Amino acid sequence: MTSLAFFLLIPGGYEWIIVILAIVLLFGGRKIPELMKGLGQGMKEFKKARTEASEDLSGKNTIDKSQKEGDAATSK
């Protein structure tokens, strides 16, 4: 029963046409490429931040203690 309710909530072909027409009417044909470009840039930044965060958590971006000690010894 729950899977039937789930499939009823997913828009089909006809519903997607209505959604696209509503978006075109609201934003106009010229503004949509700008909106999609901004959305793409936002997704790119999010993926980059997610990758950097996961690398930081796994320790790939951290400097070894031995490397820190070597840098400290050479700077004295």
PDB file of N, CA and C in Angstrom:
ATOM      1  N   MET A   1       0.823  -1.203   0.000  1.00  0.00           N
ATOM      2  CA  MET A   1       0.000   0.000   0.000  1.00  0.00           C
ATOM      3  C   MET A   1       0.859   1.256   0.000  1.00  0.00           C
ATOM      4  N   THR A   2       1.962   1.244   0.745  1.00  0.00           N
ATOM      5  CA  THR A   2       2.789   2.439   0.799  1.00  0.00           C
ATOM      6  C   THR A   2       3.499   2.677  -0.526  1.00  0.00           C
ATOM      7  N   SER A   3       3.862   1.604  -1.232  1.00  0.00           N
ATOM      8  CA  SER A   3       4.524   1.794  -2.527  1.00  0.00           C
ATOM      9  C   SER A   3       3.559   2.394  -3.535  1.00  0.00           C
ATOM     10  N   LEU A   4       2.283   2.039  -3.443  1.00  0.00           N
ATOM     11  CA  LEU A   4       1.279   2.615  -4.333  1.00  0.00           C
ATOM     12  C   LEU A   4       1.137   4.111  -4.072  1.00  0.00           C
ATOM     13  N   ALA A   5       1.129   4.498  -2.806  1.00  0.00           N
ATOM     14  CA  ALA A   5       1.029   5.917  -2.456  1.00  0.00           C
ATOM     15  C   ALA A   5       2.270   6.673  -2.921  1.00  0.00           C
ATOM     16  N   PHE A   6       3.427   6.029  -2.838  1.00  0.00           N
ATOM     17  CA  PHE A   6       4.669   6.663  -3.284  1.00  0.00           C
ATOM     18  C   PHE A   6       4.631   6.931  -4.785  1.00  0.00           C
ATOM     19  N   PHE A   7       4.157   5.973  -5.566  1.00  0.00           N
ATOM     20  CA  PHE A   7       4.098   6.147  -7.016  1.00  0.00           C
ATOM     21  C   PHE A   7       3.031   7.153  -7.433  1.00  0.00           C
ATOM     22  N   LEU A   8       2.048   7.351  -6.615  1.00  0.00           N
ATOM     23  CA  LEU A   8       1.037   8.352  -6.935  1.00  0.00           C
ATOM     24  C   LEU A   8       1.559   9.767  -6.736  1.00  0.00           C
ATOM     25  N   LEU A   9       2.591   9.929  -5.910  1.00  0.00           N
ATOM     26  CA  LEU A   9       3.154  11.250  -5.646  1.00  0.00           C
ATOM     27  C   LEU A   9       4.183  11.668  -6.683  1.00  0.00           C
ATOM     28  N   ILE A  10       4.744  10.728  -7.440  1.00  0.00           N
ATOM     29  CA  ILE A  10       5.744  11.041  -8.454  1.00  0.00           C
ATOM     30  C   ILE A  10       5.036  11.588  -9.687  1.00  0.00           C
ATOM     31  N   PRO A  11       5.435  12.790 -10.132  1.00  0.00           N
ATOM     32  CA  PRO A  11       4.777  13.357 -11.318  1.00  0.00           C
ATOM     33  C   PRO A  11       5.086  12.558 -12.580  1.00  0.00           C
ATOM     34  N   GLY A  12       4.089  12.377 -13.393  1.00  0.00           N
ATOM     35  CA  GLY A  12       4.252  11.679 -14.665  1.00  0.00           C
ATOM     36  C   GLY A  12       4.527  12.664 -15.790  1.00  0.00           C
ATOM     37  N   GLY A  13       4.409  12.220 -17.027  1.00  0.00           N
ATOM     38  CA  GLY A  13       4.709  13.051 -18.191  1.00  0.00           C
ATOM     39  C   GLY A  13       3.841  14.288 -18.289  1.00  0.00           C
ATOM     40  N   TYR A  14       2.546  14.116 -18.126  1.00  0.00           N
ATOM     41  CA  TYR A  14       1.626  15.243 -18.231  1.00  0.00           C
ATOM     42  C   TYR A  14       1.880  16.276 -17.131  1.00  0.00           C
ATOM     43  N   GLU A  15       2.145  15.811 -15.918  1.00  0.00           N
ATOM     44  CA  GLU A  15       2.401  16.735 -14.815  1.00  0.00           C
ATOM     45  C   GLU A  15       3.697  17.524 -15.032  1.00  0.00           C
ATOM     46  N   TRP A  16       4.726  16.870 -15.605  1.00  0.00           N
ATOM     47  CA  TRP A  16       5.981  17.572 -15.885  1.00  0.00           C
ATOM     48  C   TRP A  16       5.760  18.683 -16.912  1.00  0.00           C
ATOM     49  N   ILE A  17       4.914  18.438 -17.889  1.00  0.00           N
ATOM     50  CA  ILE A  17       4.614  19.474 -18.888  1.00  0.00           C
ATOM     51  C   ILE A  17       3.975  20.682 -18.220  1.00  0.00           C
ATOM     52  N   ILE A  18       3.061  20.441 -17.306  1.00  0.00           N
ATOM     53  CA  ILE A  18       2.406  21.539 -16.586  1.00  0.00           C
ATOM     54  C   ILE A  18       3.423  22.296 -15.731  1.00  0.00           C
ATOM     55  N   VAL A  19       4.307  21.583 -15.063  1.00  0.00           N
ATOM     56  CA  VAL A  19       5.327  22.228 -14.221  1.00  0.00           C
ATOM     57  C   VAL A  19       6.249  23.090 -15.077  1.00  0.00           C
ATOM     58  N   ILE A  20       6.699  22.559 -16.207  1.00  0.00           N
ATOM     59  CA  ILE A  20       7.595  23.318 -17.094  1.00  0.00           C
ATOM     60  C   ILE A  20       6.902  24.563 -17.641  1.00  0.00           C
ATOM     61  N   LEU A  21       5.642  24.427 -18.041  1.00  0.00           N
ATOM     62  CA  LEU A  21       4.892  25.591 -18.525  1.00  0.00           C
ATOM     63  C   LEU A  21       4.735  26.642 -17.432  1.00  0.00           C
ATOM     64  N   ALA A  22       4.485  26.219 -16.207  1.00  0.00           N
ATOM     65  CA  ALA A  22       4.351  27.166 -15.101  1.00  0.00           C
ATOM     66  C   ALA A  22       5.669  27.899 -14.861  1.00  0.00           C
ATOM     67  N   ILE A  23       6.788  27.183 -14.939  1.00  0.00           N
ATOM     68  CA  ILE A  23       8.097  27.819 -14.743  1.00  0.00           C
ATOM     69  C   ILE A  23       8.366  28.836 -15.846  1.00  0.00           C
ATOM     70  N   VAL A  24       8.055  28.479 -17.080  1.00  0.00           N
ATOM     71  CA  VAL A  24       8.269  29.410 -18.201  1.00  0.00           C
ATOM     72  C   VAL A  24       7.392  30.642 -18.041  1.00  0.00           C
ATOM     73  N   LEU A  25       6.158  30.454 -17.610  1.00  0.00           N
ATOM     74  CA  LEU A  25       5.282  31.602 -17.407  1.00  0.00           C
ATOM     75  C   LEU A  25       5.747  32.490 -16.259  1.00  0.00           C
ATOM     76  N   LEU A  26       6.256  31.888 -15.198  1.00  0.00           N
ATOM     77  CA  LEU A  26       6.690  32.674 -14.041  1.00  0.00           C
ATOM     78  C   LEU A  26       7.988  33.429 -14.287  1.00  0.00           C
ATOM     79  N   PHE A  27       8.969  32.767 -14.896  1.00  0.00           N
ATOM     80  CA  PHE A  27      10.298  33.365 -15.031  1.00  0.00           C
ATOM     81  C   PHE A  27      10.593  33.892 -16.423  1.00  0.00           C
ATOM     82  N   GLY A  28       9.885  33.446 -17.410  1.00  0.00           N
ATOM     83  CA  GLY A  28      10.162  33.867 -18.775  1.00  0.00           C
ATOM     84  C   GLY A  28      11.266  33.034 -19.403  1.00  0.00           C
ATOM     85  N   GLY A  29      11.262  32.938 -20.703  1.00  0.00           N
ATOM     86  CA  GLY A  29      12.211  32.105 -21.422  1.00  0.00           C
ATOM     87  C   GLY A  29      13.649  32.579 -21.328  1.00  0.00           C
ATOM     88  N   ARG A  30      13.855  33.870 -21.169  1.00  0.00           N
ATOM     89  CA  ARG A  30      15.220  34.407 -21.134  1.00  0.00           C
ATOM     90  C   ARG A  30      15.881  34.234 -19.768  1.00  0.00           C
ATOM     91  N   LYS A  31      15.099  34.164 -18.732  1.00  0.00           N
ATOM     92  CA  LYS A  31      15.653  34.090 -17.374  1.00  0.00           C
ATOM     93  C   LYS A  31      16.009  32.651 -16.980  1.00  0.00           C
ATOM     94  N   ILE A  32      15.421  31.652 -17.607  1.00  0.00           N
ATOM     95  CA  ILE A  32      15.633  30.260 -17.233  1.00  0.00           C
ATOM     96  C   ILE A  32      17.094  29.828 -17.393  1.00  0.00           C
ATOM     97  N   PRO A  33      17.794  30.150 -18.504  1.00  0.00           N
ATOM     98  CA  PRO A  33      19.208  29.748 -18.586  1.00  0.00           C
ATOM     99  C   PRO A  33      20.073  30.345 -17.476  1.00  0.00           C
ATOM    100  N   GLU A  34      19.781  31.569 -17.079  1.00  0.00           N
ATOM    101  CA  GLU A  34      20.518  32.186 -15.982  1.00  0.00           C
ATOM    102  C   GLU A  34      20.258  31.444 -14.676  1.00  0.00           C
ATOM    103  N   LEU A  35      19.007  31.049 -14.454  1.00  0.00           N
ATOM    104  CA  LEU A  35      18.671  30.302 -13.243  1.00  0.00           C
ATOM    105  C   LEU A  35      19.377  28.949 -13.229  1.00  0.00           C
ATOM    106  N   MET A  36      19.410  28.276 -14.359  1.00  0.00           N
ATOM    107  CA  MET A  36      20.054  26.962 -14.442  1.00  0.00           C
ATOM    108  C   MET A  36      21.574  27.077 -14.267  1.00  0.00           C
ATOM    109  N   LYS A  37      22.159  28.163 -14.776  1.00  0.00           N
ATOM    110  CA  LYS A  37      23.593  28.390 -14.609  1.00  0.00           C
ATOM    111  C   LYS A  37      23.918  28.592 -13.135  1.00  0.00           C
ATOM    112  N   GLY A  38      23.129  29.381 -12.453  1.00  0.00           N
ATOM    113  CA  GLY A  38      23.322  29.595 -11.024  1.00  0.00           C
ATOM    114  C   GLY A  38      23.132  28.318 -10.222  1.00  0.00           C
ATOM    115  N   LEU A  39      22.152  27.515 -10.616  1.00  0.00           N
ATOM    116  CA  LEU A  39      21.923  26.237  -9.944  1.00  0.00           C
ATOM    117  C   LEU A  39      23.111  25.307 -10.152  1.00  0.00           C
ATOM    118  N   GLY A  40      23.652  25.267 -11.352  1.00  0.00           N
ATOM    119  CA  GLY A  40      24.814  24.429 -11.648  1.00  0.00           C
ATOM    120  C   GLY A  40      26.045  24.862 -10.868  1.00  0.00           C
ATOM    121  N   GLN A  41      26.253  26.165 -10.762  1.00  0.00           N
ATOM    122  CA  GLN A  41      27.403  26.664  -9.995  1.00  0.00           C
ATOM    123  C   GLN A  41      27.251  26.337  -8.522  1.00  0.00           C
ATOM    124  N   GLY A  42      26.036  26.447  -8.017  1.00  0.00           N
ATOM    125  CA  GLY A  42      25.791  26.106  -6.621  1.00  0.00           C
ATOM    126  C   GLY A  42      26.042  24.633  -6.346  1.00  0.00           C
ATOM    127  N   MET A  43      25.618  23.778  -7.262  1.00  0.00           N
ATOM    128  CA  MET A  43      25.854  22.343  -7.100  1.00  0.00           C
ATOM    129  C   MET A  43      27.342  22.026  -7.157  1.00  0.00           C
ATOM    130  N   LYS A  44      28.068  22.712  -8.043  1.00  0.00           N
ATOM    131  CA  LYS A  44      29.512  22.502  -8.164  1.00  0.00           C
ATOM    132  C   LYS A  44      30.225  22.894  -6.867  1.00  0.00           C
ATOM    133  N   GLU A  45      29.859  24.040  -6.299  1.00  0.00           N
ATOM    134  CA  GLU A  45      30.460  24.481  -5.045  1.00  0.00           C
ATOM    135  C   GLU A  45      30.128  23.524  -3.905  1.00  0.00           C
ATOM    136  N   PHE A  46      28.891  23.022  -3.887  1.00  0.00           N
ATOM    137  CA  PHE A  46      28.487  22.088  -2.843  1.00  0.00           C
ATOM    138  C   PHE A  46      29.290  20.795  -2.926  1.00  0.00           C
ATOM    139  N   LYS A  47      29.468  20.272  -4.135  1.00  0.00           N
ATOM    140  CA  LYS A  47      30.245  19.039  -4.313  1.00  0.00           C
ATOM    141  C   LYS A  47      31.693  19.245  -3.905  1.00  0.00           C
ATOM    142  N   LYS A  48      32.258  20.415  -4.242  1.00  0.00           N
ATOM    143  CA  LYS A  48      33.639  20.719  -3.876  1.00  0.00           C
ATOM    144  C   LYS A  48      33.779  20.787  -2.361  1.00  0.00           C
ATOM    145  N   ALA A  49      32.861  21.460  -1.697  1.00  0.00           N
ATOM    146  CA  ALA A  49      32.914  21.569  -0.238  1.00  0.00           C
ATOM    147  C   ALA A  49      32.716  20.210   0.414  1.00  0.00           C
ATOM    148  N   ARG A  50      31.838  19.391  -0.141  1.00  0.00           N
ATOM    149  CA  ARG A  50      31.610  18.053   0.411  1.00  0.00           C
ATOM    150  C   ARG A  50      32.867  17.196   0.278  1.00  0.00           C
ATOM    151  N   THR A  51      33.530  17.281  -0.873  1.00  0.00           N
ATOM    152  CA  THR A  51      34.757  16.520  -1.092  1.00  0.00           C
ATOM    153  C   THR A  51      35.853  16.975  -0.139  1.00  0.00           C
ATOM    154  N   GLU A  52      36.020  18.284   0.007  1.00  0.00           N
ATOM    155  CA  GLU A  52      37.035  18.815   0.916  1.00  0.00           C
ATOM    156  C   GLU A  52      36.752  18.402   2.359  1.00  0.00           C
ATOM    157  N   ALA A  53      35.490  18.429   2.756  1.00  0.00           N
ATOM    158  CA  ALA A  53      35.140  18.047   4.120  1.00  0.00           C
ATOM    159  C   ALA A  53      35.416  16.569   4.362  1.00  0.00           C
ATOM    160  N   SER A  54      35.083  15.733   3.396  1.00  0.00           N
ATOM    161  CA  SER A  54      35.333  14.300   3.585  1.00  0.00           C
ATOM    162  C   SER A  54      36.833  14.012   3.595  1.00  0.00           C
ATOM    163  N   GLU A  55      37.620  14.745   2.805  1.00  0.00           N
ATOM    164  CA  GLU A  55      39.074  14.576   2.837  1.00  0.00           C
ATOM    165  C   GLU A  55      39.649  15.042   4.170  1.00  0.00           C
ATOM    166  N   ASP A  56      39.118  16.132   4.702  1.00  0.00           N
ATOM    167  CA  ASP A  56      39.580  16.602   6.004  1.00  0.00           C
ATOM    168  C   ASP A  56      39.269  15.583   7.090  1.00  0.00           C
ATOM    169  N   LEU A  57      38.091  14.992   7.032  1.00  0.00           N
ATOM    170  CA  LEU A  57      37.712  14.008   8.043  1.00  0.00           C
ATOM    171  C   LEU A  57      38.525  12.728   7.924  1.00  0.00           C
ATOM    172  N   SER A  58      38.907  12.370   6.710  1.00  0.00           N
ATOM    173  CA  SER A  58      39.692  11.150   6.544  1.00  0.00           C
ATOM    174  C   SER A  58      41.178  11.394   6.780  1.00  0.00           C
ATOM    175  N   GLY A  59      41.603  12.656   6.878  1.00  0.00           N
ATOM    176  CA  GLY A  59      42.983  12.976   7.206  1.00  0.00           C
ATOM    177  C   GLY A  59      43.880  13.167   6.007  1.00  0.00           C
ATOM    178  N   LYS A  60      43.349  13.268   4.819  1.00  0.00           N
ATOM    179  CA  LYS A  60      44.183  13.435   3.634  1.00  0.00           C
ATOM    180  C   LYS A  60      44.781  14.830   3.541  1.00  0.00           C
ATOM    181  N   ASN A  61      44.101  15.831   4.067  1.00  0.00           N
ATOM    182  CA  ASN A  61      44.576  17.209   3.945  1.00  0.00           C
ATOM    183  C   ASN A  61      45.371  17.667   5.166  1.00  0.00           C
ATOM    184  N   THR A  62      45.559  16.795   6.140  1.00  0.00           N
ATOM    185  CA  THR A  62      46.294  17.201   7.332  1.00  0.00           C
ATOM    186  C   THR A  62      47.777  16.980   7.122  1.00  0.00           C
ATOM    187  N   ILE A  63      48.564  17.802   7.789  1.00  0.00           N
ATOM    188  CA  ILE A  63      50.019  17.719   7.679  1.00  0.00           C
ATOM    189  C   ILE A  63      50.533  16.799   8.776  1.00  0.00           C
ATOM    190  N   ASP A  64      51.491  15.942   8.465  1.00  0.00           N
ATOM    191  CA  ASP A  64      52.102  15.038   9.443  1.00  0.00           C
ATOM    192  C   ASP A  64      52.764  15.846  10.545  1.00  0.00           C
ATOM    193  N   LYS A  65      52.786  15.273  11.739  1.00  0.00           N
ATOM    194  CA  LYS A  65      53.493  15.927  12.834  1.00  0.00           C
ATOM    195  C   LYS A  65      54.981  16.013  12.538  1.00  0.00           C
ATOM    196  N   SER A  66      55.517  14.975  11.901  1.00  0.00           N
ATOM    197  CA  SER A  66      56.942  14.983  11.582  1.00  0.00           C
ATOM    198  C   SER A  66      57.263  16.094  10.582  1.00  0.00           C
ATOM    199  N   GLN A  67      56.367  16.350   9.662  1.00  0.00           N
ATOM    200  CA  GLN A  67      56.599  17.416   8.695  1.00  0.00           C
ATOM    201  C   GLN A  67      56.541  18.779   9.411  1.00  0.00           C
ATOM    202  N   LYS A  68      55.628  18.914  10.372  1.00  0.00           N
ATOM    203  CA  LYS A  68      55.550  20.151  11.140  1.00  0.00           C
ATOM    204  C   LYS A  68      56.834  20.366  11.936  1.00  0.00           C
ATOM    205  N   GLU A  69      57.316  19.286  12.563  1.00  0.00           N
ATOM    206  CA  GLU A  69      58.531  19.405  13.354  1.00  0.00           C
ATOM    207  C   GLU A  69      59.738  19.759  12.470  1.00  0.00           C
ATOM    208  N   GLY A  70      59.779  19.190  11.276  1.00  0.00           N
ATOM    209  CA  GLY A  70      60.863  19.500  10.345  1.00  0.00           C
ATOM    210  C   GLY A  70      60.818  20.941   9.896  1.00  0.00           C
ATOM    211  N   ASP A  71      59.634  21.459   9.644  1.00  0.00           N
ATOM    212  CA  ASP A  71      59.477  22.864   9.255  1.00  0.00           C
ATOM    213  C   ASP A  71      59.868  23.778  10.404  1.00  0.00           C
ATOM    214  N   ALA A  72      59.523  23.393  11.631  1.00  0.00           N
ATOM    215  CA  ALA A  72      59.856  24.216  12.792  1.00  0.00           C
ATOM    216  C   ALA A  72      61.360  24.244  13.022  1.00  0.00           C
ATOM    217  N   ALA A  73      62.026  23.122  12.782  1.00  0.00           N
ATOM    218  CA  ALA A  73      63.476  23.061  12.984  1.00  0.00           C
ATOM    219  C   ALA A  73      64.215  23.892  11.938  1.00  0.00           C
ATOM    220  N   THR A  74      63.734  23.912  10.716  1.00  0.00           N
ATOM    221  CA  THR A  74      64.407  24.674   9.665  1.00  0.00           C
ATOM    222  C   THR A  74      64.163  26.171   9.787  1.00  0.00           C
ATOM    223  N   SER A  75      63.071  26.555  10.434  1.00  0.00           N
ATOM    224  CA  SER A  75      62.783  27.985  10.542  1.00  0.00           C
ATOM    225  C   SER A  75      63.549  28.633  11.681  1.00  0.00           C
ATOM    226  N   LYS A  76      64.141  27.857  12.591  1.00  0.00           N
ATOM    227  CA  LYS A  76      64.878  28.437  13.732  1.00  0.00           C
ATOM    228  C   LYS A  76      66.236  28.890  13.352  1.00  0.00           C
TER     229      LYS A  76
END
